[in-house]
């Protein structure tokens, strides 16, 4: 998940929302199997991307130094070994940089509706009515294939190590086993690919803003607030029964939420805590929060990464039958372009929990504290 801030206002966006959505959709392919054929990478370049992450985009002129400073792990998870990534995964990923994919992936242009923590918001460069861009996408077909490739190896490893699985989807192996080490090395490659994917989308979003708004929407007016992973396992040191212990923290359905003072929080945010990004749905709102000491102790520095569904995709499509979700959103002042009518039905607001209630729980429990609420004006859905 990635958050950008713009020098434009919400009103600036509102006046051009439909045109901006159209330009973004042309520049950023979305949907199942979407690809960017004219940006396909050869095997050597792709391996470089998997190993070095956003450093590659910086050297190619697609990222700024400021971008790198505001990405988790500076855009490169250590321990990536491209040699353990299959040729099939490389083939699937080579033409998918700068694409959204399907499901709940999106580019959302909106604005800051409400500020809850003035000090933290100021550190993040967020002001009331300031335009924002949220980007949600990951490692695309490459990461999916890395997972598929590991599935059979992990199932065998579970049998070898005598691990009883209540569900084959929970297949696993000891971290220090050969299977465990190989998976972590391949997963780091997929995470680095995802960092680069979001960076390339950022590059083309900046181009879209420049095209629609001229100099006011150029790269100097669209700056990275933060980029953070979710659905990833990381080796971290945490306190367990009063002792510093090295753990493998798997944040499935969760995102990192480190507290003030943590050395892995960028210097700009070290006094307020790491920005935590919790998207809602395309018809309501999303939140920016900040990590806390209490949350770090209670959850190993984690928070939910979204509102969560209340309907399966099949149920949502059935409930959306006969409705035009795009027209409903347009009537609410939100321009939306989806890869298909069916994909918009799957992603309608009623398919999700109310993120306001979800974030209130995070805030009241002290897991993360509310900083700002963002509302959408233009959405591109996979």
Protein backbone atom coordinates (compact mmCIF):
# COMPACT_ATOMS: atom_id res chain seq x y z
CA UNK A 1 0.00 0.00 0.00
CA UNK A 2 1.30 3.47 -0.88
CA UNK A 3 0.12 7.00 -0.07
CA UNK A 4 1.06 10.12 -2.06
CA UNK A 5 0.18 13.72 -1.27
CA UNK A 6 -0.43 16.39 -3.89
CA UNK A 7 0.02 20.13 -3.89
CA UNK A 8 -3.52 20.30 -5.33
CA UNK A 9 -6.74 20.61 -3.36
CA UNK A 10 -9.73 18.33 -3.29
CA UNK A 11 -11.65 20.94 -5.29
CA UNK A 12 -8.93 20.94 -7.96
CA UNK A 13 -9.43 17.18 -8.33
CA UNK A 14 -13.24 17.33 -8.15
CA UNK A 15 -13.41 19.61 -11.18
CA UNK A 16 -11.37 17.17 -13.31
CA UNK A 17 -12.08 13.82 -11.63
CA UNK A 18 -13.57 12.02 -14.64
CA UNK A 19 -10.84 13.15 -17.03
CA UNK A 20 -8.13 12.28 -14.52
CA UNK A 21 -9.62 8.81 -14.04
CA UNK A 22 -9.58 8.26 -17.80
CA UNK A 23 -5.95 9.33 -18.14
CA UNK A 24 -4.90 7.17 -15.19
CA UNK A 25 -6.71 4.14 -16.63
CA UNK A 26 -4.90 4.59 -19.95
CA UNK A 27 -1.50 4.84 -18.30
CA UNK A 28 -1.98 2.08 -15.71
CA UNK A 29 -3.29 -1.26 -17.03
CA UNK A 30 -5.60 -3.07 -14.62
CA UNK A 31 -7.53 -6.31 -14.37
CA UNK A 32 -6.77 -10.04 -14.33
CA UNK A 33 -3.65 -10.80 -16.37
CA UNK A 34 -3.11 -7.15 -17.29
CA UNK A 35 0.35 -6.37 -18.64
CA UNK A 36 2.43 -3.58 -20.12
CA UNK A 37 3.90 -5.16 -23.26
CA UNK A 38 6.00 -2.14 -24.16
CA UNK A 39 7.71 -2.24 -20.78
CA UNK A 40 8.68 -5.91 -20.67
CA UNK A 41 11.96 -6.65 -18.87
CA UNK A 42 14.58 -9.16 -19.96
CA UNK A 43 15.58 -11.88 -17.49
CA UNK A 44 18.77 -10.12 -16.38
CA UNK A 45 16.99 -6.84 -15.63
CA UNK A 46 14.17 -8.61 -13.85
CA UNK A 47 16.62 -10.45 -11.59
CA UNK A 48 18.26 -7.12 -10.81
CA UNK A 49 14.83 -5.74 -9.81
CA UNK A 50 14.11 -8.76 -7.60
CA UNK A 51 17.42 -8.38 -5.78
CA UNK A 52 17.68 -4.58 -5.47
CA UNK A 53 14.06 -3.35 -5.51
CA UNK A 54 13.47 0.39 -5.74
CA UNK A 55 17.19 1.10 -6.16
CA UNK A 56 16.69 -0.07 -9.75
CA UNK A 57 13.92 2.48 -10.37
CA UNK A 58 16.06 5.25 -8.85
CA UNK A 59 18.94 4.46 -11.19
CA UNK A 60 16.55 4.39 -14.15
CA UNK A 61 15.05 7.79 -13.27
CA UNK A 62 11.65 6.50 -12.10
CA UNK A 63 12.13 7.41 -8.42
CA UNK A 64 13.59 10.23 -6.36
CA UNK A 65 15.87 9.97 -3.36
CA UNK A 66 12.96 11.21 -1.27
CA UNK A 67 10.88 8.30 -2.55
CA UNK A 68 13.40 5.75 -1.29
CA UNK A 69 13.54 7.31 2.17
CA UNK A 70 9.79 6.89 2.67
CA UNK A 71 9.40 3.22 1.73
CA UNK A 72 9.53 0.34 4.21
CA UNK A 73 13.09 -1.06 4.21
CA UNK A 74 13.92 1.70 1.68
CA UNK A 75 12.22 -0.41 -0.97
CA UNK A 76 14.40 -3.52 -0.71
CA UNK A 77 13.81 -6.49 1.61
CA UNK A 78 17.21 -8.07 2.41
CA UNK A 79 17.96 -11.69 1.66
CA UNK A 80 16.38 -11.80 -1.81
CA UNK A 81 17.87 -14.52 -4.00
CA UNK A 82 16.60 -14.42 -7.61
CA UNK A 83 18.15 -17.86 -8.25
CA UNK A 84 15.37 -19.49 -6.20
CA UNK A 85 12.59 -17.87 -8.27
CA UNK A 86 11.26 -20.16 -11.00
CA UNK A 87 11.40 -19.38 -14.70
CA UNK A 88 7.61 -19.53 -14.74
CA UNK A 89 7.42 -16.79 -12.11
CA UNK A 90 9.90 -14.65 -14.04
CA UNK A 91 7.91 -15.14 -17.23
CA UNK A 92 4.67 -14.09 -15.52
CA UNK A 93 6.25 -10.98 -14.03
CA UNK A 94 8.35 -9.61 -16.86
CA UNK A 95 5.57 -7.55 -18.47
CA UNK A 96 3.53 -6.70 -15.35
CA UNK A 97 5.51 -3.85 -13.80
CA UNK A 98 3.28 -0.79 -13.49
CA UNK A 99 -0.01 -2.75 -13.53
CA UNK A 100 -2.81 -3.11 -10.98
CA UNK A 101 -4.15 -6.61 -11.37
CA UNK A 102 -7.63 -7.58 -10.25
CA UNK A 103 -9.71 -7.90 -7.10
CA UNK A 104 -9.40 -5.15 -4.52
CA UNK A 105 -6.34 -3.53 -6.11
CA UNK A 106 -6.78 0.12 -7.00
CA UNK A 107 -5.48 3.61 -7.60
CA UNK A 108 -7.62 6.06 -5.64
CA UNK A 109 -7.40 9.85 -5.91
CA UNK A 110 -9.05 11.66 -3.03
CA UNK A 111 -8.57 14.34 -0.42
CA UNK A 112 -8.07 14.79 3.31
CA UNK A 113 -11.55 15.19 4.77
CA UNK A 114 -10.60 15.31 8.47
CA UNK A 115 -7.48 15.64 10.62
CA UNK A 116 -7.39 13.95 14.05
CA UNK A 117 -3.74 14.49 15.01
CA UNK A 118 -2.38 17.84 13.81
CA UNK A 119 1.23 17.13 14.78
CA UNK A 120 1.39 13.77 13.04
CA UNK A 121 -0.49 15.06 9.99
CA UNK A 122 1.93 17.99 9.66
CA UNK A 123 4.89 15.59 9.77
CA UNK A 124 3.29 13.60 6.94
CA UNK A 125 2.53 16.76 4.94
CA UNK A 126 -1.23 16.18 5.19
CA UNK A 127 -3.58 19.14 5.46
CA UNK A 128 -7.36 19.36 5.35
CA UNK A 129 -8.64 19.26 1.74
CA UNK A 130 -5.19 18.34 0.40
CA UNK A 131 -5.40 15.91 -2.54
CA UNK A 132 -4.00 12.41 -2.05
CA UNK A 133 -3.38 9.25 -4.07
CA UNK A 134 -3.61 5.74 -2.61
CA UNK A 135 -2.10 2.81 -4.55
CA UNK A 136 -2.90 -0.78 -3.61
CA UNK A 137 -1.21 -3.52 -5.60
CA UNK A 138 1.53 -6.08 -5.08
CA UNK A 139 3.77 -8.56 -6.84
CA UNK A 140 1.18 -9.61 -9.44
CA UNK A 141 1.64 -12.92 -11.27
CA UNK A 142 5.24 -13.25 -10.16
CA UNK A 143 4.33 -13.28 -6.48
CA UNK A 144 1.37 -15.58 -7.08
CA UNK A 145 3.67 -18.04 -8.83
CA UNK A 146 6.26 -17.83 -6.04
CA UNK A 147 3.50 -18.86 -3.64
CA UNK A 148 2.24 -21.63 -5.91
CA UNK A 149 5.77 -22.98 -6.37
CA UNK A 150 6.30 -23.07 -2.61
CA UNK A 151 3.01 -24.80 -1.83
CA UNK A 152 4.07 -28.35 -2.76
CA UNK A 153 7.51 -27.92 -1.16
CA UNK A 154 5.93 -26.70 2.08
CA UNK A 155 3.42 -29.55 2.13
CA UNK A 156 6.25 -32.05 1.81
CA UNK A 157 8.23 -30.22 4.50
CA UNK A 158 5.27 -30.32 6.90
CA UNK A 159 5.14 -34.09 6.52
CA UNK A 160 8.91 -34.41 6.92
CA UNK A 161 8.95 -32.39 10.15
CA UNK A 162 5.79 -33.99 11.53
CA UNK A 163 3.69 -30.80 11.46
CA UNK A 164 -0.05 -31.53 11.70
CA UNK A 165 -1.97 -29.21 9.35
CA UNK A 166 -5.65 -28.43 10.04
CA UNK A 167 -5.77 -26.91 6.53
CA UNK A 168 -3.33 -27.38 3.65
CA UNK A 169 -3.37 -23.59 3.14
CA UNK A 170 -1.49 -23.41 6.47
CA UNK A 171 1.40 -25.49 5.10
CA UNK A 172 4.72 -24.44 6.62
CA UNK A 173 8.31 -25.38 7.38
CA UNK A 174 10.81 -24.42 10.09
CA UNK A 175 12.38 -21.05 9.30
CA UNK A 176 15.92 -22.47 9.39
CA UNK A 177 15.12 -25.46 7.17
CA UNK A 178 16.18 -25.47 3.54
CA UNK A 179 12.54 -25.04 2.50
CA UNK A 180 12.06 -22.17 4.93
CA UNK A 181 15.19 -20.33 3.83
CA UNK A 182 14.38 -20.76 0.14
CA UNK A 183 10.85 -19.48 0.61
CA UNK A 184 11.94 -16.38 2.55
CA UNK A 185 14.51 -15.65 -0.17
CA UNK A 186 11.88 -16.00 -2.91
CA UNK A 187 9.29 -14.02 -0.96
CA UNK A 188 11.80 -11.16 -0.53
CA UNK A 189 12.17 -11.13 -4.33
CA UNK A 190 8.38 -10.88 -4.71
CA UNK A 191 8.21 -8.06 -2.15
CA UNK A 192 10.95 -6.16 -3.99
CA UNK A 193 9.05 -6.64 -7.25
CA UNK A 194 5.95 -5.19 -5.53
CA UNK A 195 7.89 -2.13 -4.34
CA UNK A 196 9.04 -1.53 -7.91
CA UNK A 197 5.53 -2.14 -9.26
CA UNK A 198 4.08 0.55 -6.98
CA UNK A 199 6.96 2.87 -7.85
CA UNK A 200 6.29 2.48 -11.57
CA UNK A 201 2.58 3.17 -11.00
CA UNK A 202 3.65 6.27 -9.06
CA UNK A 203 5.77 7.36 -12.04
CA UNK A 204 2.83 7.05 -14.44
CA UNK A 205 0.42 8.65 -11.95
CA UNK A 206 2.78 11.63 -11.85
CA UNK A 207 2.69 11.73 -15.64
CA UNK A 208 -1.12 11.65 -15.53
CA UNK A 209 -1.27 14.54 -13.07
CA UNK A 210 1.16 16.49 -15.25
CA UNK A 211 -0.99 15.84 -18.31
CA UNK A 212 -4.24 16.89 -16.66
CA UNK A 213 -3.07 19.72 -14.41
CA UNK A 214 0.12 20.98 -16.08
CA UNK A 215 2.95 22.20 -13.87
CA UNK A 216 0.70 22.16 -10.79
CA UNK A 217 0.35 18.40 -11.08
CA UNK A 218 3.96 17.57 -11.93
CA UNK A 219 6.23 15.30 -9.93
CA UNK A 220 7.07 18.11 -7.50
CA UNK A 221 3.36 18.22 -6.59
CA UNK A 222 2.89 14.47 -6.02
CA UNK A 223 5.14 13.33 -3.18
CA UNK A 224 5.43 9.98 -1.42
CA UNK A 225 4.20 9.93 2.17
CA UNK A 226 4.83 6.22 2.81
CA UNK A 227 4.82 2.76 1.25
CA UNK A 228 4.36 -0.30 3.47
CA UNK A 229 3.95 -4.03 2.86
CA UNK A 230 1.16 -6.30 3.94
CA UNK A 231 0.72 -10.08 3.69
CA UNK A 232 4.43 -10.65 4.25
CA UNK A 233 6.63 -12.54 6.73
CA UNK A 234 9.65 -10.73 8.18
CA UNK A 235 12.40 -11.63 10.63
CA UNK A 236 12.24 -9.13 13.50
CA UNK A 237 13.32 -8.85 17.13
CA UNK A 238 10.55 -8.35 19.71
CA UNK A 239 10.13 -8.70 23.46
CA UNK A 240 8.69 -12.07 24.47
CA UNK A 241 8.19 -12.59 28.23
CA UNK A 242 10.68 -9.83 28.90
CA UNK A 243 13.41 -11.14 26.59
CA UNK A 244 14.49 -9.84 23.18
CA UNK A 245 13.64 -12.69 20.81
CA UNK A 246 14.16 -13.12 17.07
CA UNK A 247 10.82 -13.96 15.46
CA UNK A 248 9.34 -14.58 12.05
CA UNK A 249 6.32 -12.26 12.09
CA UNK A 250 3.79 -13.17 9.41
CA UNK A 251 1.38 -10.28 8.84
CA UNK A 252 -1.38 -11.98 6.90
CA UNK A 253 -4.23 -9.53 6.44
CA UNK A 254 -2.10 -7.10 8.41
CA UNK A 255 0.47 -4.36 7.95
CA UNK A 256 3.44 -3.08 9.92
CA UNK A 257 2.77 -0.39 12.56
CA UNK A 258 6.04 0.54 14.29
CA UNK A 259 6.08 3.08 17.15
CA UNK A 260 7.81 6.43 17.69
CA UNK A 261 11.55 6.09 18.14
CA UNK A 262 11.91 2.80 16.25
CA UNK A 263 15.07 2.85 14.14
CA UNK A 264 13.24 1.39 11.11
CA UNK A 265 10.81 4.33 11.00
CA UNK A 266 12.03 7.03 8.58
CA UNK A 267 13.65 9.97 10.36
CA UNK A 268 10.87 12.31 9.25
CA UNK A 269 8.32 10.23 11.18
CA UNK A 270 10.44 8.93 14.04
CA UNK A 271 8.90 11.25 16.63
CA UNK A 272 5.30 10.46 15.67
CA UNK A 273 5.47 6.78 14.67
CA UNK A 274 5.26 4.97 11.35
CA UNK A 275 2.40 5.92 9.00
CA UNK A 276 -0.17 3.11 8.93
CA UNK A 277 -2.43 2.93 5.85
CA UNK A 278 -5.89 1.35 6.23
CA UNK A 279 -8.03 1.48 3.07
CA UNK A 280 -11.79 1.17 3.30
CA UNK A 281 -13.83 0.86 0.11
CA UNK A 282 -14.22 2.91 -3.05
CA UNK A 283 -17.48 4.53 -1.95
CA UNK A 284 -16.65 5.62 1.59
CA UNK A 285 -13.21 6.48 2.99
CA UNK A 286 -9.75 5.33 4.05
CA UNK A 287 -7.53 6.22 7.00
CA UNK A 288 -3.99 7.21 7.82
CA UNK A 289 -2.89 6.23 11.32
CA UNK A 290 0.41 6.13 13.22
CA UNK A 291 2.04 3.28 15.10
CA UNK A 292 2.13 3.29 18.91
CA UNK A 293 4.23 1.81 21.72
CA UNK A 294 1.19 -0.07 23.06
CA UNK A 295 0.46 -1.57 19.65
CA UNK A 296 4.09 -2.58 19.26
CA UNK A 297 4.01 -4.46 22.55
CA UNK A 298 0.58 -6.04 22.01
CA UNK A 299 0.77 -6.99 18.32
CA UNK A 300 4.50 -7.16 17.44
CA UNK A 301 3.99 -3.80 15.72
CA UNK A 302 1.03 -4.72 13.50
CA UNK A 303 -2.37 -3.38 12.47
CA UNK A 304 -5.07 -4.53 10.04
CA UNK A 305 -4.42 -3.52 6.43
CA UNK A 306 -8.04 -2.87 5.43
CA UNK A 307 -11.67 -2.89 6.45
CA UNK A 308 -12.24 -6.55 5.55
CA UNK A 309 -15.07 -8.13 3.59
CA UNK A 310 -18.56 -9.01 4.84
CA UNK A 311 -19.60 -10.60 1.51
CA UNK A 312 -17.74 -13.09 -0.63
CA UNK A 313 -17.08 -11.99 -4.21
CA UNK A 314 -19.85 -14.32 -5.39
CA UNK A 315 -22.32 -12.88 -2.88
CA UNK A 316 -21.37 -9.32 -3.83
CA UNK A 317 -21.85 -9.96 -7.55
CA UNK A 318 -25.27 -11.44 -6.85
CA UNK A 319 -26.24 -8.47 -4.64
CA UNK A 320 -25.05 -6.03 -7.33
CA UNK A 321 -27.10 -7.74 -10.05
CA UNK A 322 -29.14 -5.23 -12.08
CA UNK A 323 -27.37 -2.26 -10.49
CA UNK A 324 -24.80 0.06 -12.03
CA UNK A 325 -22.20 0.54 -9.31
CA UNK A 326 -20.37 3.05 -11.51
CA UNK A 327 -23.48 5.23 -11.84
CA UNK A 328 -24.18 5.00 -8.11
CA UNK A 329 -20.66 6.18 -7.33
CA UNK A 330 -20.87 8.93 -9.94
CA UNK A 331 -24.05 10.19 -8.26
CA UNK A 332 -22.05 10.36 -5.02
CA UNK A 333 -19.36 12.46 -6.72
CA UNK A 334 -16.86 9.63 -7.32
CA UNK A 335 -15.58 8.89 -10.83
CA UNK A 336 -14.74 5.20 -11.18
CA UNK A 337 -13.29 3.07 -13.97
CA UNK A 338 -13.20 -0.69 -13.44
CA UNK A 339 -11.70 -3.47 -15.49
CA UNK A 340 -15.25 -4.85 -15.84
CA UNK A 341 -18.81 -4.35 -14.57
CA UNK A 342 -18.47 -7.59 -12.61
CA UNK A 343 -15.30 -6.42 -10.85
CA UNK A 344 -17.07 -3.26 -9.68
CA UNK A 345 -19.92 -5.38 -8.33
CA UNK A 346 -17.48 -7.53 -6.35
CA UNK A 347 -15.97 -4.38 -4.85
CA UNK A 348 -19.10 -2.37 -4.01
CA UNK A 349 -19.12 -0.67 -0.62
CA UNK A 350 -21.69 -3.03 0.89
CA UNK A 351 -19.26 -5.94 0.39
CA UNK A 352 -16.97 -4.43 3.05
CA UNK A 353 -17.14 -3.62 6.73
CA UNK A 354 -17.44 0.06 7.61
CA UNK A 355 -13.80 1.13 7.91
CA UNK A 356 -14.83 3.90 10.33
CA UNK A 357 -15.84 1.28 12.90
CA UNK A 358 -12.76 -0.85 12.21
CA UNK A 359 -10.38 2.09 12.68
CA UNK A 360 -12.19 3.20 15.83
CA UNK A 361 -11.35 -0.20 17.32
CA UNK A 362 -7.66 0.20 16.38
CA UNK A 363 -7.60 3.69 17.87
CA UNK A 364 -9.50 2.90 21.08
CA UNK A 365 -7.44 -0.24 21.70
CA UNK A 366 -4.25 1.80 21.28
CA UNK A 367 -2.98 -0.42 18.45
CA UNK A 368 -2.58 2.64 16.20
CA UNK A 369 -3.85 6.20 16.54
CA UNK A 370 -5.95 8.09 14.01
CA UNK A 371 -4.20 10.82 12.01
CA UNK A 372 -6.43 11.60 9.00
CA UNK A 373 -9.48 10.42 7.07
CA UNK A 374 -9.35 10.40 3.28
CA UNK A 375 -12.35 10.40 0.93
CA UNK A 376 -12.29 9.24 -2.72
CA UNK A 377 -12.98 11.34 -5.81
CA UNK A 378 -11.63 9.15 -8.63
CA UNK A 379 -10.93 5.42 -8.53
CA UNK A 380 -9.30 2.95 -10.91
CA UNK A 381 -10.18 -0.66 -9.99
CA UNK A 382 -8.63 -3.90 -11.18
